[in-house]
Amino acid sequence: MSMAYNKRMFLSAGSTEDSTAFIQATAQSTYNGQDPLAHFTLIIADCHRRIMLDFALTSVYLRKRNLAKLDRLVRVINEFSEAVHAEAKLIEKRYKD
């Protein structure tokens, strides 16, 4: 069974007029693999900039390349998150007293 996915989430807690950072992920259905031209897009935006990444699956080469690109992106974001959390704990510890 093929499923479509579409989600947009604001990155700041609560909605404020001056904070429009968001992430949007769209994966169109391939109708059980019958439509290789379906679009797979990830948009990451802050208040002034926007990047859009496409993950085409129309050929063996592109499927391999774009699935690897997606996996690397997830890995780096997870590692970045761990590093920022660790530094925040160090700052918190330093200024706790």
N, C-alpha and C. Protein backbone atom coordinates (compact mmCIF):
# COMPACT_ATOMS: atom_id res chain seq x y z
N MET A 1 0.84 -1.18 0.00
CA MET A 1 0.00 0.00 0.00
C MET A 1 0.89 1.25 0.00
N SER A 2 0.61 2.17 -0.86
CA SER A 2 1.37 3.41 -0.96
C SER A 2 0.63 4.51 -0.21
N MET A 3 1.37 5.29 0.55
CA MET A 3 0.76 6.35 1.34
C MET A 3 1.37 7.69 1.00
N ALA A 4 0.56 8.70 0.99
CA ALA A 4 1.05 10.06 0.82
C ALA A 4 1.32 10.65 2.20
N TYR A 5 2.22 11.64 2.24
CA TYR A 5 2.56 12.29 3.50
C TYR A 5 2.69 13.78 3.24
N ASN A 6 2.06 14.58 4.07
CA ASN A 6 2.18 16.02 3.95
C ASN A 6 2.07 16.62 5.35
N LYS A 7 3.13 17.28 5.78
CA LYS A 7 3.11 17.87 7.11
C LYS A 7 3.88 19.18 7.08
N ARG A 8 3.30 20.18 7.71
CA ARG A 8 3.97 21.47 7.90
C ARG A 8 3.91 21.79 9.37
N MET A 9 5.07 22.15 9.94
CA MET A 9 5.13 22.43 11.36
C MET A 9 5.97 23.67 11.59
N PHE A 10 5.43 24.59 12.39
CA PHE A 10 6.21 25.75 12.78
C PHE A 10 7.23 25.31 13.80
N LEU A 11 8.45 25.85 13.71
CA LEU A 11 9.54 25.38 14.55
C LEU A 11 9.62 26.07 15.90
N SER A 12 8.98 27.21 16.04
CA SER A 12 8.98 27.91 17.33
C SER A 12 7.78 27.44 18.14
N ALA A 13 7.99 27.38 19.45
CA ALA A 13 6.89 27.01 20.34
C ALA A 13 5.85 28.13 20.31
N GLY A 14 4.63 27.77 20.10
CA GLY A 14 3.57 28.78 20.02
C GLY A 14 3.66 29.55 18.72
N SER A 15 2.62 30.22 18.38
CA SER A 15 2.65 31.00 17.13
C SER A 15 2.83 32.47 17.48
N THR A 16 3.83 33.06 16.85
CA THR A 16 4.06 34.49 17.01
C THR A 16 4.23 35.10 15.63
N GLU A 17 3.87 36.35 15.51
CA GLU A 17 3.94 37.00 14.20
C GLU A 17 5.37 37.14 13.69
N ASP A 18 6.33 37.27 14.62
CA ASP A 18 7.70 37.50 14.19
C ASP A 18 8.51 36.22 14.05
N SER A 19 7.89 35.08 14.22
CA SER A 19 8.61 33.80 14.11
C SER A 19 7.88 32.90 13.12
N THR A 20 8.39 32.88 11.90
CA THR A 20 7.72 32.10 10.86
C THR A 20 8.55 30.92 10.39
N ALA A 21 9.51 30.48 11.20
CA ALA A 21 10.34 29.33 10.83
C ALA A 21 9.45 28.08 10.80
N PHE A 22 9.62 27.29 9.74
CA PHE A 22 8.83 26.07 9.63
C PHE A 22 9.58 25.01 8.86
N ILE A 23 9.07 23.80 8.96
CA ILE A 23 9.53 22.70 8.12
C ILE A 23 8.29 22.09 7.48
N GLN A 24 8.41 21.75 6.21
CA GLN A 24 7.31 21.13 5.49
C GLN A 24 7.85 19.95 4.70
N ALA A 25 7.20 18.82 4.85
CA ALA A 25 7.60 17.61 4.14
C ALA A 25 6.40 17.09 3.35
N THR A 26 6.63 16.84 2.07
CA THR A 26 5.58 16.34 1.20
C THR A 26 6.08 15.12 0.44
N ALA A 27 5.37 14.03 0.56
CA ALA A 27 5.66 12.81 -0.19
C ALA A 27 4.37 12.40 -0.88
N GLN A 28 4.32 12.58 -2.17
CA GLN A 28 3.14 12.18 -2.93
C GLN A 28 3.07 10.66 -3.04
N SER A 29 1.88 10.17 -3.18
CA SER A 29 1.69 8.73 -3.37
C SER A 29 2.20 8.32 -4.75
N THR A 30 2.84 7.16 -4.83
CA THR A 30 3.24 6.59 -6.12
C THR A 30 2.20 5.60 -6.62
N TYR A 31 1.09 5.49 -5.90
CA TYR A 31 0.02 4.55 -6.24
C TYR A 31 0.59 3.15 -6.44
N ASN A 32 1.16 2.65 -5.32
CA ASN A 32 1.76 1.32 -5.29
C ASN A 32 2.89 1.16 -6.31
N GLY A 33 3.68 2.22 -6.49
CA GLY A 33 4.84 2.17 -7.37
C GLY A 33 4.55 2.45 -8.83
N GLN A 34 3.30 2.73 -9.16
CA GLN A 34 2.93 2.94 -10.57
C GLN A 34 3.29 4.33 -11.08
N ASP A 35 3.52 5.28 -10.19
CA ASP A 35 3.82 6.65 -10.61
C ASP A 35 5.19 7.08 -10.09
N PRO A 36 6.26 6.80 -10.83
CA PRO A 36 7.59 7.18 -10.36
C PRO A 36 7.85 8.69 -10.42
N LEU A 37 6.92 9.45 -11.00
CA LEU A 37 7.08 10.90 -11.11
C LEU A 37 6.53 11.65 -9.91
N ALA A 38 6.09 10.94 -8.89
CA ALA A 38 5.58 11.59 -7.68
C ALA A 38 6.67 12.47 -7.09
N HIS A 39 6.24 13.53 -6.42
CA HIS A 39 7.18 14.50 -5.85
C HIS A 39 7.43 14.22 -4.37
N PHE A 40 8.68 14.38 -3.97
CA PHE A 40 9.09 14.22 -2.58
C PHE A 40 9.96 15.43 -2.25
N THR A 41 9.43 16.31 -1.41
CA THR A 41 10.06 17.60 -1.18
C THR A 41 10.13 17.91 0.31
N LEU A 42 11.25 18.48 0.71
CA LEU A 42 11.44 18.94 2.08
C LEU A 42 11.80 20.42 2.02
N ILE A 43 11.04 21.24 2.74
CA ILE A 43 11.30 22.68 2.80
C ILE A 43 11.62 23.04 4.25
N ILE A 44 12.72 23.75 4.44
CA ILE A 44 13.10 24.26 5.75
C ILE A 44 13.24 25.77 5.61
N ALA A 45 12.52 26.51 6.47
CA ALA A 45 12.52 27.97 6.34
C ALA A 45 12.68 28.63 7.70
N ASP A 46 13.39 29.76 7.70
CA ASP A 46 13.38 30.60 8.88
C ASP A 46 12.66 31.88 8.47
N CYS A 47 12.86 32.93 9.21
CA CYS A 47 12.10 34.16 8.93
C CYS A 47 12.39 34.78 7.56
N HIS A 48 13.62 34.58 7.06
CA HIS A 48 14.02 35.27 5.82
C HIS A 48 14.53 34.36 4.72
N ARG A 49 14.84 33.12 5.04
CA ARG A 49 15.43 32.22 4.05
C ARG A 49 14.63 30.93 3.97
N ARG A 50 14.75 30.30 2.81
CA ARG A 50 14.05 29.03 2.60
C ARG A 50 14.91 28.14 1.72
N ILE A 51 15.02 26.87 2.12
CA ILE A 51 15.67 25.90 1.24
C ILE A 51 14.66 24.82 0.92
N MET A 52 14.75 24.32 -0.29
CA MET A 52 13.86 23.26 -0.72
C MET A 52 14.71 22.14 -1.30
N LEU A 53 14.54 20.95 -0.75
CA LEU A 53 15.27 19.78 -1.23
C LEU A 53 14.29 18.83 -1.89
N ASP A 54 14.65 18.38 -3.08
CA ASP A 54 13.84 17.41 -3.81
C ASP A 54 14.50 16.05 -3.74
N PHE A 55 13.68 15.02 -3.70
CA PHE A 55 14.16 13.65 -3.62
C PHE A 55 13.46 12.82 -4.71
N ALA A 56 13.88 13.01 -5.95
CA ALA A 56 13.27 12.31 -7.08
C ALA A 56 13.59 10.81 -7.01
N LEU A 57 12.62 10.01 -7.39
CA LEU A 57 12.78 8.55 -7.38
C LEU A 57 12.53 7.94 -8.75
N THR A 58 12.73 8.71 -9.81
CA THR A 58 12.33 8.30 -11.15
C THR A 58 13.23 7.28 -11.83
N SER A 59 14.44 7.06 -11.28
CA SER A 59 15.34 6.06 -11.88
C SER A 59 16.08 5.34 -10.76
N VAL A 60 16.70 4.23 -11.09
CA VAL A 60 17.48 3.49 -10.10
C VAL A 60 18.56 4.39 -9.51
N TYR A 61 19.25 5.12 -10.38
CA TYR A 61 20.32 6.02 -9.95
C TYR A 61 19.79 7.07 -8.97
N LEU A 62 18.69 7.74 -9.34
CA LEU A 62 18.14 8.79 -8.48
C LEU A 62 17.59 8.24 -7.18
N ARG A 63 16.97 7.07 -7.22
CA ARG A 63 16.48 6.47 -5.98
C ARG A 63 17.64 6.21 -5.02
N LYS A 64 18.70 5.61 -5.52
CA LYS A 64 19.86 5.32 -4.68
C LYS A 64 20.48 6.61 -4.15
N ARG A 65 20.68 7.57 -5.02
CA ARG A 65 21.31 8.85 -4.66
C ARG A 65 20.46 9.63 -3.66
N ASN A 66 19.17 9.73 -3.91
CA ASN A 66 18.32 10.56 -3.06
C ASN A 66 17.97 9.91 -1.73
N LEU A 67 17.86 8.59 -1.70
CA LEU A 67 17.66 7.92 -0.41
C LEU A 67 18.91 8.08 0.46
N ALA A 68 20.09 8.01 -0.14
CA ALA A 68 21.34 8.24 0.59
C ALA A 68 21.40 9.68 1.08
N LYS A 69 20.99 10.64 0.24
CA LYS A 69 20.98 12.06 0.62
C LYS A 69 20.07 12.27 1.83
N LEU A 70 18.90 11.66 1.78
CA LEU A 70 17.95 11.78 2.89
C LEU A 70 18.52 11.16 4.17
N ASP A 71 19.13 9.99 4.06
CA ASP A 71 19.71 9.33 5.24
C ASP A 71 20.85 10.16 5.84
N ARG A 72 21.69 10.77 4.99
CA ARG A 72 22.78 11.62 5.49
C ARG A 72 22.22 12.87 6.18
N LEU A 73 21.20 13.44 5.60
CA LEU A 73 20.57 14.62 6.19
C LEU A 73 20.03 14.31 7.59
N VAL A 74 19.33 13.20 7.71
CA VAL A 74 18.79 12.79 9.01
C VAL A 74 19.91 12.55 10.02
N ARG A 75 20.97 11.88 9.58
CA ARG A 75 22.09 11.59 10.47
C ARG A 75 22.74 12.88 10.98
N VAL A 76 23.01 13.82 10.09
CA VAL A 76 23.65 15.08 10.48
C VAL A 76 22.74 15.89 11.40
N ILE A 77 21.47 15.95 11.10
CA ILE A 77 20.54 16.69 11.97
C ILE A 77 20.50 16.07 13.36
N ASN A 78 20.45 14.75 13.44
CA ASN A 78 20.45 14.08 14.75
C ASN A 78 21.74 14.35 15.51
N GLU A 79 22.89 14.26 14.83
CA GLU A 79 24.17 14.53 15.48
C GLU A 79 24.27 15.99 15.91
N PHE A 80 23.79 16.89 15.09
CA PHE A 80 23.77 18.32 15.42
C PHE A 80 22.91 18.56 16.65
N SER A 81 21.75 17.94 16.70
CA SER A 81 20.86 18.08 17.85
C SER A 81 21.54 17.61 19.13
N GLU A 82 22.21 16.46 19.07
CA GLU A 82 22.92 15.96 20.24
C GLU A 82 24.01 16.93 20.69
N ALA A 83 24.75 17.49 19.75
CA ALA A 83 25.83 18.44 20.08
C ALA A 83 25.27 19.71 20.71
N VAL A 84 24.19 20.25 20.17
CA VAL A 84 23.60 21.48 20.71
C VAL A 84 23.03 21.22 22.10
N HIS A 85 22.37 20.10 22.29
CA HIS A 85 21.83 19.76 23.62
C HIS A 85 22.97 19.63 24.64
N ALA A 86 24.06 19.00 24.25
CA ALA A 86 25.21 18.84 25.15
C ALA A 86 25.79 20.19 25.54
N GLU A 87 25.93 21.09 24.58
CA GLU A 87 26.47 22.42 24.86
C GLU A 87 25.50 23.22 25.73
N ALA A 88 24.21 23.08 25.50
CA ALA A 88 23.22 23.78 26.33
C ALA A 88 23.31 23.31 27.78
N LYS A 89 23.54 22.03 27.98
CA LYS A 89 23.70 21.50 29.35
C LYS A 89 24.94 22.08 30.01
N LEU A 90 26.03 22.20 29.24
CA LEU A 90 27.26 22.79 29.79
C LEU A 90 27.04 24.25 30.17
N ILE A 91 26.34 24.99 29.34
CA ILE A 91 26.04 26.40 29.64
C ILE A 91 25.16 26.49 30.88
N GLU A 92 24.14 25.63 30.92
CA GLU A 92 23.23 25.61 32.07
C GLU A 92 23.99 25.32 33.36
N LYS A 93 24.89 24.36 33.31
CA LYS A 93 25.70 23.99 34.47
C LYS A 93 26.60 25.15 34.88
N ARG A 94 27.19 25.83 33.91
CA ARG A 94 28.12 26.93 34.17
C ARG A 94 27.41 28.11 34.85
N TYR A 95 26.19 28.41 34.40
CA TYR A 95 25.48 29.59 34.91
C TYR A 95 24.43 29.27 35.96
N LYS A 96 24.40 28.03 36.42
CA LYS A 96 23.44 27.63 37.43
C LYS A 96 23.73 28.27 38.79
N ASP A 97 24.98 28.40 39.09
CA ASP A 97 25.39 28.92 40.40
C ASP A 97 25.27 30.43 40.51
